[in-house]
């Protein structure tokens, strides 16, 4: 597809995984707090909910993300 050398596939994987993770976590954390004083409490609860939600998603999605990253990269010529 893009022709990125395979040795960089772990970076491609990380970009895709972190993008998915932050997309979901940002959506959860974006629910507005009732006041500025509740920000820390809201952030902590949002982080815990996001982490609990992301852990199984990442574990289940990792093989598919890895396969996708491999499709986006290519073997390098060793010659």
C-alpha atoms as a PDB file:
ATOM      1  CA  UNK A   1       0.000   0.000   0.000  1.00  0.00           C
ATOM      2  CA  UNK A   2       2.174   2.898   1.235  1.00  0.00           C
ATOM      3  CA  UNK A   3       5.465   1.056   0.840  1.00  0.00           C
ATOM      4  CA  UNK A   4       6.852   1.906   4.281  1.00  0.00           C
ATOM      5  CA  UNK A   5       9.806  -0.418   5.028  1.00  0.00           C
ATOM      6  CA  UNK A   6       8.794  -3.343   7.263  1.00  0.00           C
ATOM      7  CA  UNK A   7      11.391  -2.402   9.885  1.00  0.00           C
ATOM      8  CA  UNK A   8       9.160   0.573  10.743  1.00  0.00           C
ATOM      9  CA  UNK A   9       6.000  -1.526  11.168  1.00  0.00           C
ATOM     10  CA  UNK A  10       6.198  -1.226  14.961  1.00  0.00           C
ATOM     11  CA  UNK A  11       5.927   2.562  14.584  1.00  0.00           C
ATOM     12  CA  UNK A  12       2.969   2.197  12.222  1.00  0.00           C
ATOM     13  CA  UNK A  13       1.373  -0.164  14.731  1.00  0.00           C
ATOM     14  CA  UNK A  14       1.958   2.321  17.548  1.00  0.00           C
ATOM     15  CA  UNK A  15       0.460   5.206  15.579  1.00  0.00           C
ATOM     16  CA  UNK A  16      -2.659   3.210  14.722  1.00  0.00           C
ATOM     17  CA  UNK A  17      -3.038   1.809  18.237  1.00  0.00           C
ATOM     18  CA  UNK A  18      -2.484   5.128  19.978  1.00  0.00           C
ATOM     19  CA  UNK A  19      -4.865   6.824  17.551  1.00  0.00           C
ATOM     20  CA  UNK A  20      -7.632   4.355  18.338  1.00  0.00           C
ATOM     21  CA  UNK A  21      -6.923   4.511  22.054  1.00  0.00           C
ATOM     22  CA  UNK A  22      -6.830   8.297  22.265  1.00  0.00           C
ATOM     23  CA  UNK A  23      -9.926   8.617  20.070  1.00  0.00           C
ATOM     24  CA  UNK A  24     -12.000   6.538  22.478  1.00  0.00           C
ATOM     25  CA  UNK A  25     -10.390   7.974  25.620  1.00  0.00           C
ATOM     26  CA  UNK A  26     -10.892  11.544  24.422  1.00  0.00           C
ATOM     27  CA  UNK A  27     -14.547  10.830  23.731  1.00  0.00           C
ATOM     28  CA  UNK A  28     -15.039   9.494  27.253  1.00  0.00           C
ATOM     29  CA  UNK A  29     -13.039  12.312  28.851  1.00  0.00           C
ATOM     30  CA  UNK A  30     -14.879  14.990  26.873  1.00  0.00           C
ATOM     31  CA  UNK A  31     -18.051  14.706  28.904  1.00  0.00           C
ATOM     32  CA  UNK A  32     -18.154  18.084  30.618  1.00  0.00           C
ATOM     33  CA  UNK A  33     -17.602  18.390  34.352  1.00  0.00           C
ATOM     34  CA  UNK A  34     -20.252  20.246  36.298  1.00  0.00           C
ATOM     35  CA  UNK A  35     -17.727  22.828  37.511  1.00  0.00           C
ATOM     36  CA  UNK A  36     -14.015  23.600  37.390  1.00  0.00           C
ATOM     37  CA  UNK A  37     -13.663  22.352  40.977  1.00  0.00           C
ATOM     38  CA  UNK A  38     -14.746  18.867  39.894  1.00  0.00           C
ATOM     39  CA  UNK A  39     -12.138  18.682  37.114  1.00  0.00           C
ATOM     40  CA  UNK A  40      -9.678  16.444  38.999  1.00  0.00           C
ATOM     41  CA  UNK A  41     -12.402  14.067  40.123  1.00  0.00           C
ATOM     42  CA  UNK A  42     -13.928  14.021  36.645  1.00  0.00           C
ATOM     43  CA  UNK A  43     -10.523  13.441  34.994  1.00  0.00           C
ATOM     44  CA  UNK A  44      -9.660  10.593  37.380  1.00  0.00           C
ATOM     45  CA  UNK A  45     -12.975   8.844  36.874  1.00  0.00           C
ATOM     46  CA  UNK A  46     -12.814   9.391  33.098  1.00  0.00           C
ATOM     47  CA  UNK A  47      -9.280   8.010  32.974  1.00  0.00           C
ATOM     48  CA  UNK A  48     -10.288   4.900  34.935  1.00  0.00           C
ATOM     49  CA  UNK A  49     -13.339   4.327  32.734  1.00  0.00           C
ATOM     50  CA  UNK A  50     -11.282   4.919  29.575  1.00  0.00           C
ATOM     51  CA  UNK A  51      -8.535   2.558  30.733  1.00  0.00           C
ATOM     52  CA  UNK A  52     -11.048  -0.131  31.663  1.00  0.00           C
ATOM     53  CA  UNK A  53     -12.736   0.266  28.281  1.00  0.00           C
ATOM     54  CA  UNK A  54      -9.499   0.383  26.276  1.00  0.00           C
ATOM     55  CA  UNK A  55      -7.743  -2.602  27.829  1.00  0.00           C
ATOM     56  CA  UNK A  56      -9.976  -5.284  26.282  1.00  0.00           C
ATOM     57  CA  UNK A  57     -10.373  -3.297  23.052  1.00  0.00           C
ATOM     58  CA  UNK A  58      -6.616  -2.992  22.574  1.00  0.00           C
ATOM     59  CA  UNK A  59      -6.040  -6.634  23.506  1.00  0.00           C
ATOM     60  CA  UNK A  60      -8.679  -7.773  21.016  1.00  0.00           C
ATOM     61  CA  UNK A  61      -7.752  -5.241  18.311  1.00  0.00           C
ATOM     62  CA  UNK A  62      -3.964  -5.685  18.525  1.00  0.00           C
ATOM     63  CA  UNK A  63      -3.783  -8.656  16.105  1.00  0.00           C
ATOM     64  CA  UNK A  64      -5.920  -6.828  13.522  1.00  0.00           C
ATOM     65  CA  UNK A  65      -3.897  -3.622  13.946  1.00  0.00           C
ATOM     66  CA  UNK A  66      -0.663  -5.595  13.571  1.00  0.00           C
ATOM     67  CA  UNK A  67      -1.951  -7.237  10.377  1.00  0.00           C
ATOM     68  CA  UNK A  68      -3.014  -3.830   9.030  1.00  0.00           C
ATOM     69  CA  UNK A  69       0.399  -2.336   9.852  1.00  0.00           C
ATOM     70  CA  UNK A  70       2.061  -5.212   7.989  1.00  0.00           C
ATOM     71  CA  UNK A  71      -0.157  -4.522   4.968  1.00  0.00           C
ATOM     72  CA  UNK A  72       0.917  -0.855   5.044  1.00  0.00           C
ATOM     73  CA  UNK A  73       4.608  -1.784   5.031  1.00  0.00           C
ATOM     74  CA  UNK A  74       6.840  -3.835   2.774  1.00  0.00           C
ATOM     75  CA  UNK A  75       9.907  -6.037   3.123  1.00  0.00           C
ATOM     76  CA  UNK A  76      13.147  -4.148   2.593  1.00  0.00           C
ATOM     77  CA  UNK A  77      15.512  -5.096  -0.183  1.00  0.00           C
ATOM     78  CA  UNK A  78      18.591  -6.646   1.462  1.00  0.00           C
ATOM     79  CA  UNK A  79      20.726  -6.487  -1.658  1.00  0.00           C
END
